[in-house]
Amino acid sequence: MTVLPMNASCCVLLVALLSAASGAQATSIYRTTDAQGNVVFTDNPERGGEQIELNPLTVVPSGARTPAPQAAPEATAPSSSPSESLSSPFMPYSTFRIASPRNEETLQTGAAGNLQVQLGIEPSLREDHRVRLLVDGAVSQSALHSDVFMIGNLERGERVLQAELLDARGEVRHRSAPVTLYVQRASVNLPQNPNNPN
């Protein structure tokens, strides 16, 4: 092993790496200071350094994960499934919907077309599942492991929001009920809200 001078911020990393290697090989670590004052770690006792006592490493076994208990699917849960593969037996959630904004809500001019979409998912979203957001049937947000999405600069008019549940393979397994949103935006011709001229 070659001896390299280290600055103080790299010492911790080196000790951790060397301790991992030394634990497997039962090698001792020695600390010395070179002529420039740099701390040097080595496995060579001939350099006259002090032996470092390392604490045993904490090891967490990477055994098979136990899947979280899943709620039984509701037979009466509404599903606007894109295909037969999206049938309710897959649906591990008792609730999968857009909680905010509410259906037929109006996004006021002051919001500038920016909107936070909150999903209602119960039980919590599984680690291997992702959700993506559709605006007017087109993908607006990439699939994320999240129940909150931000949409920016929505065009004025009627917009339809929908959330899609994707499985571990990235396949669409369920869609939320559509939520209609009315977006108001200022324009050059009518910069202020006509209902509030001040």
C-alpha atoms as a PDB file:
ATOM      1  CA  MET A   1       0.000   0.000   0.000  1.00  0.00           C
ATOM      2  CA  THR A   2       1.409   3.392  -0.927  1.00  0.00           C
ATOM      3  CA  VAL A   3       1.592   6.169   1.624  1.00  0.00           C
ATOM      4  CA  LEU A   4      -0.124   9.416   0.557  1.00  0.00           C
ATOM      5  CA  PRO A   5      -0.325  12.711   2.470  1.00  0.00           C
ATOM      6  CA  MET A   6      -3.919  13.669   3.288  1.00  0.00           C
ATOM      7  CA  ASN A   7      -5.584  16.861   4.407  1.00  0.00           C
ATOM      8  CA  ALA A   8      -7.768  16.688   7.489  1.00  0.00           C
ATOM      9  CA  SER A   9     -11.057  16.449   5.589  1.00  0.00           C
ATOM     10  CA  CYS A  10      -9.962  13.311   3.722  1.00  0.00           C
ATOM     11  CA  CYS A  11      -8.630  11.554   6.815  1.00  0.00           C
ATOM     12  CA  VAL A  12     -12.029  10.365   7.953  1.00  0.00           C
ATOM     13  CA  LEU A  13     -12.801   8.888   4.551  1.00  0.00           C
ATOM     14  CA  LEU A  14      -9.456   7.129   4.392  1.00  0.00           C
ATOM     15  CA  VAL A  15      -9.845   5.709   7.896  1.00  0.00           C
ATOM     16  CA  ALA A  16     -13.303   4.411   7.026  1.00  0.00           C
ATOM     17  CA  LEU A  17     -12.072   2.771   3.833  1.00  0.00           C
ATOM     18  CA  LEU A  18      -9.001   1.339   5.476  1.00  0.00           C
ATOM     19  CA  SER A  19     -11.000   0.100   8.427  1.00  0.00           C
ATOM     20  CA  ALA A  20     -13.334  -1.727   6.067  1.00  0.00           C
ATOM     21  CA  ALA A  21     -10.363  -3.359   4.391  1.00  0.00           C
ATOM     22  CA  SER A  22      -8.569  -3.965   7.680  1.00  0.00           C
ATOM     23  CA  GLY A  23     -11.619  -5.622   9.195  1.00  0.00           C
ATOM     24  CA  ALA A  24     -11.560  -8.194   6.437  1.00  0.00           C
ATOM     25  CA  GLN A  25      -7.782  -8.683   6.592  1.00  0.00           C
ATOM     26  CA  ALA A  26      -7.177  -7.882  10.295  1.00  0.00           C
ATOM     27  CA  THR A  27      -4.526  -5.284   9.337  1.00  0.00           C
ATOM     28  CA  SER A  28      -3.414  -2.526  11.713  1.00  0.00           C
ATOM     29  CA  ILE A  29      -3.525   1.151  10.745  1.00  0.00           C
ATOM     30  CA  TYR A  30      -0.767   3.600  11.714  1.00  0.00           C
ATOM     31  CA  ARG A  31      -0.872   7.401  11.808  1.00  0.00           C
ATOM     32  CA  THR A  32       2.181   9.582  11.181  1.00  0.00           C
ATOM     33  CA  THR A  33       2.884  13.216  10.321  1.00  0.00           C
ATOM     34  CA  ASP A  34       5.193  14.037   7.397  1.00  0.00           C
ATOM     35  CA  ALA A  35       7.739  16.907   7.173  1.00  0.00           C
ATOM     36  CA  GLN A  36       5.099  19.341   5.892  1.00  0.00           C
ATOM     37  CA  GLY A  37       2.752  18.598   8.794  1.00  0.00           C
ATOM     38  CA  ASN A  38       0.309  16.478   6.777  1.00  0.00           C
ATOM     39  CA  VAL A  39      -1.312  13.520   8.495  1.00  0.00           C
ATOM     40  CA  VAL A  40      -0.482  10.219   6.782  1.00  0.00           C
ATOM     41  CA  PHE A  41      -2.244   6.895   7.352  1.00  0.00           C
ATOM     42  CA  THR A  42      -0.464   3.671   6.469  1.00  0.00           C
ATOM     43  CA  ASP A  43      -0.474  -0.041   7.110  1.00  0.00           C
ATOM     44  CA  ASN A  44       3.346  -0.036   7.358  1.00  0.00           C
ATOM     45  CA  PRO A  45       4.511  -0.084  11.021  1.00  0.00           C
ATOM     46  CA  GLU A  46       8.132   0.711   9.995  1.00  0.00           C
ATOM     47  CA  ARG A  47       7.302   4.429   9.532  1.00  0.00           C
ATOM     48  CA  GLY A  48       7.164   4.911  13.291  1.00  0.00           C
ATOM     49  CA  GLY A  49       3.538   5.999  13.563  1.00  0.00           C
ATOM     50  CA  GLU A  50       1.091   5.415  16.355  1.00  0.00           C
ATOM     51  CA  GLN A  51      -1.301   2.503  15.956  1.00  0.00           C
ATOM     52  CA  ILE A  52      -4.940   3.568  15.537  1.00  0.00           C
ATOM     53  CA  GLU A  53      -7.659   1.659  17.368  1.00  0.00           C
ATOM     54  CA  LEU A  54     -10.682   1.423  15.093  1.00  0.00           C
ATOM     55  CA  ASN A  55     -14.171   0.775  16.342  1.00  0.00           C
ATOM     56  CA  PRO A  56     -15.865  -2.247  14.789  1.00  0.00           C
ATOM     57  CA  LEU A  57     -17.936  -1.463  11.739  1.00  0.00           C
ATOM     58  CA  THR A  58     -21.679  -1.459  12.005  1.00  0.00           C
ATOM     59  CA  VAL A  59     -22.980  -3.925   9.451  1.00  0.00           C
ATOM     60  CA  VAL A  60     -26.596  -4.032   8.403  1.00  0.00           C
ATOM     61  CA  PRO A  61     -27.469  -7.236   6.553  1.00  0.00           C
ATOM     62  CA  SER A  62     -29.122  -6.706   3.199  1.00  0.00           C
ATOM     63  CA  GLY A  63     -31.638  -9.497   3.507  1.00  0.00           C
ATOM     64  CA  ALA A  64     -34.758  -9.705   1.402  1.00  0.00           C
ATOM     65  CA  ARG A  65     -37.194  -6.895   2.075  1.00  0.00           C
ATOM     66  CA  THR A  66     -40.533  -7.852   3.478  1.00  0.00           C
ATOM     67  CA  PRO A  67     -43.249  -6.143   1.463  1.00  0.00           C
ATOM     68  CA  ALA A  68     -45.521  -3.797   3.371  1.00  0.00           C
ATOM     69  CA  PRO A  69     -48.977  -5.155   4.076  1.00  0.00           C
ATOM     70  CA  GLN A  70     -51.388  -4.149   1.369  1.00  0.00           C
ATOM     71  CA  ALA A  71     -54.966  -3.106   1.763  1.00  0.00           C
ATOM     72  CA  ALA A  72     -57.518  -5.306   0.058  1.00  0.00           C
ATOM     73  CA  PRO A  73     -58.788  -3.710  -3.142  1.00  0.00           C
ATOM     74  CA  GLU A  74     -62.308  -2.361  -3.062  1.00  0.00           C
ATOM     75  CA  ALA A  75     -64.587  -4.013  -5.551  1.00  0.00           C
ATOM     76  CA  THR A  76     -66.635  -0.825  -5.861  1.00  0.00           C
ATOM     77  CA  ALA A  77     -63.660   1.500  -6.389  1.00  0.00           C
ATOM     78  CA  PRO A  78     -64.251   3.607  -9.509  1.00  0.00           C
ATOM     79  CA  SER A  79     -61.642   2.992 -12.154  1.00  0.00           C
ATOM     80  CA  SER A  80     -61.245   4.749 -15.457  1.00  0.00           C
ATOM     81  CA  SER A  81     -58.853   2.035 -16.582  1.00  0.00           C
ATOM     82  CA  PRO A  82     -57.005   2.497 -19.865  1.00  0.00           C
ATOM     83  CA  SER A  83     -57.080  -1.252 -20.497  1.00  0.00           C
ATOM     84  CA  GLU A  84     -58.209  -4.551 -19.036  1.00  0.00           C
ATOM     85  CA  SER A  85     -54.776  -4.986 -17.375  1.00  0.00           C
ATOM     86  CA  LEU A  86     -55.743  -2.123 -15.063  1.00  0.00           C
ATOM     87  CA  SER A  87     -58.465  -4.102 -13.344  1.00  0.00           C
ATOM     88  CA  SER A  88     -59.096  -3.558  -9.650  1.00  0.00           C
ATOM     89  CA  PRO A  89     -57.336  -6.748  -8.385  1.00  0.00           C
ATOM     90  CA  PHE A  90     -53.969  -4.997  -8.905  1.00  0.00           C
ATOM     91  CA  MET A  91     -55.061  -1.823  -7.133  1.00  0.00           C
ATOM     92  CA  PRO A  92     -53.327  -1.975  -3.710  1.00  0.00           C
ATOM     93  CA  TYR A  93     -54.752   1.394  -2.632  1.00  0.00           C
ATOM     94  CA  SER A  94     -58.134   2.078  -1.101  1.00  0.00           C
ATOM     95  CA  THR A  95     -57.805   5.690  -2.276  1.00  0.00           C
ATOM     96  CA  PHE A  96     -56.050   7.007  -5.394  1.00  0.00           C
ATOM     97  CA  ARG A  97     -57.402  10.412  -6.399  1.00  0.00           C
ATOM     98  CA  ILE A  98     -56.566  14.058  -6.952  1.00  0.00           C
ATOM     99  CA  ALA A  99     -57.404  15.696  -3.613  1.00  0.00           C
ATOM    100  CA  SER A 100     -56.527  19.258  -4.617  1.00  0.00           C
ATOM    101  CA  PRO A 101     -57.609  21.108  -6.673  1.00  0.00           C
ATOM    102  CA  ARG A 102     -61.223  20.017  -6.425  1.00  0.00           C
ATOM    103  CA  ASN A 103     -63.271  19.240  -9.524  1.00  0.00           C
ATOM    104  CA  GLU A 104     -64.496  22.351 -11.379  1.00  0.00           C
ATOM    105  CA  GLU A 105     -62.352  24.678  -9.249  1.00  0.00           C
ATOM    106  CA  THR A 106     -61.160  27.987 -10.749  1.00  0.00           C
ATOM    107  CA  LEU A 107     -57.480  28.961 -10.714  1.00  0.00           C
ATOM    108  CA  GLN A 108     -57.533  32.752 -10.354  1.00  0.00           C
ATOM    109  CA  THR A 109     -55.540  35.210 -12.485  1.00  0.00           C
ATOM    110  CA  GLY A 110     -53.132  36.012  -9.635  1.00  0.00           C
ATOM    111  CA  ALA A 111     -51.812  32.448  -9.635  1.00  0.00           C
ATOM    112  CA  ALA A 112     -50.290  33.032 -13.115  1.00  0.00           C
ATOM    113  CA  GLY A 113     -51.180  29.499 -14.156  1.00  0.00           C
ATOM    114  CA  ASN A 114     -49.090  27.923 -11.378  1.00  0.00           C
ATOM    115  CA  LEU A 115     -50.696  25.160  -9.366  1.00  0.00           C
ATOM    116  CA  GLN A 116     -49.857  22.590  -6.703  1.00  0.00           C
ATOM    117  CA  VAL A 117     -51.613  19.260  -7.229  1.00  0.00           C
ATOM    118  CA  GLN A 118     -52.076  17.114  -4.103  1.00  0.00           C
ATOM    119  CA  LEU A 119     -52.988  13.445  -4.460  1.00  0.00           C
ATOM    120  CA  GLY A 120     -54.920  11.397  -1.931  1.00  0.00           C
ATOM    121  CA  ILE A 121     -53.270   7.960  -1.750  1.00  0.00           C
ATOM    122  CA  GLU A 122     -54.126   5.462   1.005  1.00  0.00           C
ATOM    123  CA  PRO A 123     -52.246   3.539   2.211  1.00  0.00           C
ATOM    124  CA  SER A 124     -49.017   5.412   1.433  1.00  0.00           C
ATOM    125  CA  LEU A 125     -47.444   4.982  -1.985  1.00  0.00           C
ATOM    126  CA  ARG A 126     -45.376   1.794  -2.158  1.00  0.00           C
ATOM    127  CA  GLU A 127     -41.637   2.210  -2.705  1.00  0.00           C
ATOM    128  CA  ASP A 128     -41.732   0.514  -6.111  1.00  0.00           C
ATOM    129  CA  HIS A 129     -44.651   2.606  -7.417  1.00  0.00           C
ATOM    130  CA  ARG A 130     -44.509   5.974  -9.168  1.00  0.00           C
ATOM    131  CA  VAL A 131     -47.140   8.532 -10.131  1.00  0.00           C
ATOM    132  CA  ARG A 132     -47.210  10.827 -13.132  1.00  0.00           C
ATOM    133  CA  LEU A 133     -49.497  13.722 -13.857  1.00  0.00           C
ATOM    134  CA  LEU A 134     -51.485  14.310 -17.045  1.00  0.00           C
ATOM    135  CA  VAL A 135     -52.848  17.669 -18.196  1.00  0.00           C
ATOM    136  CA  ASP A 136     -55.435  17.400 -20.977  1.00  0.00           C
ATOM    137  CA  GLY A 137     -54.343  13.794 -21.571  1.00  0.00           C
ATOM    138  CA  ALA A 138     -50.653  14.659 -22.131  1.00  0.00           C
ATOM    139  CA  VAL A 139     -47.892  13.796 -19.645  1.00  0.00           C
ATOM    140  CA  SER A 140     -47.101  16.960 -17.690  1.00  0.00           C
ATOM    141  CA  GLN A 141     -44.808  15.529 -15.025  1.00  0.00           C
ATOM    142  CA  SER A 142     -42.376  12.633 -15.166  1.00  0.00           C
ATOM    143  CA  ALA A 143     -43.169   9.663 -12.971  1.00  0.00           C
ATOM    144  CA  LEU A 144     -42.171  10.389  -9.380  1.00  0.00           C
ATOM    145  CA  HIS A 145     -42.481   8.672  -6.031  1.00  0.00           C
ATOM    146  CA  SER A 146     -44.538  11.581  -4.693  1.00  0.00           C
ATOM    147  CA  ASP A 147     -48.074  12.649  -3.918  1.00  0.00           C
ATOM    148  CA  VAL A 148     -47.461  16.363  -4.608  1.00  0.00           C
ATOM    149  CA  PHE A 149     -46.810  17.881  -8.032  1.00  0.00           C
ATOM    150  CA  MET A 150     -46.204  21.452  -9.178  1.00  0.00           C
ATOM    151  CA  ILE A 151     -47.532  22.626 -12.533  1.00  0.00           C
ATOM    152  CA  GLY A 152     -46.310  25.900 -13.958  1.00  0.00           C
ATOM    153  CA  ASN A 153     -47.668  28.303 -16.550  1.00  0.00           C
ATOM    154  CA  LEU A 154     -50.954  26.582 -17.367  1.00  0.00           C
ATOM    155  CA  GLU A 155     -52.709  28.100 -20.363  1.00  0.00           C
ATOM    156  CA  ARG A 156     -56.010  29.862 -19.777  1.00  0.00           C
ATOM    157  CA  GLY A 157     -59.205  27.885 -20.215  1.00  0.00           C
ATOM    158  CA  GLU A 158     -60.579  24.525 -19.167  1.00  0.00           C
ATOM    159  CA  ARG A 159     -57.939  21.940 -18.221  1.00  0.00           C
ATOM    160  CA  VAL A 160     -58.407  18.301 -17.240  1.00  0.00           C
ATOM    161  CA  LEU A 161     -55.999  16.809 -14.677  1.00  0.00           C
ATOM    162  CA  GLN A 162     -55.449  13.112 -14.096  1.00  0.00           C
ATOM    163  CA  ALA A 163     -52.894  11.042 -12.167  1.00  0.00           C
ATOM    164  CA  GLU A 164     -51.535   7.694 -13.356  1.00  0.00           C
ATOM    165  CA  LEU A 165     -50.168   4.966 -11.098  1.00  0.00           C
ATOM    166  CA  LEU A 166     -47.120   3.190 -12.555  1.00  0.00           C
ATOM    167  CA  ASP A 167     -45.796  -0.138 -11.316  1.00  0.00           C
ATOM    168  CA  ALA A 168     -42.131  -1.131 -10.901  1.00  0.00           C
ATOM    169  CA  ARG A 169     -41.851  -1.840 -14.654  1.00  0.00           C
ATOM    170  CA  GLY A 170     -43.202   1.616 -15.507  1.00  0.00           C
ATOM    171  CA  GLU A 171     -46.525   0.295 -16.785  1.00  0.00           C
ATOM    172  CA  VAL A 172     -49.709   2.270 -16.134  1.00  0.00           C
ATOM    173  CA  ARG A 173     -51.808   0.265 -13.687  1.00  0.00           C
ATOM    174  CA  HIS A 174     -54.489   2.765 -12.640  1.00  0.00           C
ATOM    175  CA  ARG A 175     -55.768   6.265 -13.406  1.00  0.00           C
ATOM    176  CA  SER A 176     -57.509   8.672 -11.087  1.00  0.00           C
ATOM    177  CA  ALA A 177     -60.860  10.163 -11.966  1.00  0.00           C
ATOM    178  CA  PRO A 178     -60.392  13.282 -14.107  1.00  0.00           C
ATOM    179  CA  VAL A 179     -60.555  16.687 -12.392  1.00  0.00           C
ATOM    180  CA  THR A 180     -61.667  19.701 -14.431  1.00  0.00           C
ATOM    181  CA  LEU A 181     -59.926  22.993 -13.658  1.00  0.00           C
ATOM    182  CA  TYR A 182     -60.737  26.446 -15.035  1.00  0.00           C
ATOM    183  CA  VAL A 183     -57.611  28.586 -15.455  1.00  0.00           C
ATOM    184  CA  GLN A 184     -57.899  32.369 -15.579  1.00  0.00           C
ATOM    185  CA  ARG A 185     -54.918  34.333 -16.941  1.00  0.00           C
ATOM    186  CA  ALA A 186     -54.308  38.017 -17.538  1.00  0.00           C
ATOM    187  CA  SER A 187     -53.855  39.100 -21.147  1.00  0.00           C
ATOM    188  CA  VAL A 188     -52.487  42.135 -22.972  1.00  0.00           C
ATOM    189  CA  ASN A 189     -56.009  43.084 -24.013  1.00  0.00           C
ATOM    190  CA  LEU A 190     -57.504  42.576 -20.560  1.00  0.00           C
ATOM    191  CA  PRO A 191     -54.663  42.792 -17.991  1.00  0.00           C
ATOM    192  CA  GLN A 192     -56.901  43.162 -14.941  1.00  0.00           C
ATOM    193  CA  ASN A 193     -59.737  41.087 -13.678  1.00  0.00           C
ATOM    194  CA  PRO A 194     -62.922  42.629 -15.133  1.00  0.00           C
ATOM    195  CA  ASN A 195     -64.718  41.835 -11.871  1.00  0.00           C
ATOM    196  CA  ASN A 196     -62.137  43.862  -9.915  1.00  0.00           C
ATOM    197  CA  PRO A 197     -61.110  46.944 -11.987  1.00  0.00           C
ATOM    198  CA  ASN A 198     -58.868  48.425  -9.258  1.00  0.00           C
END
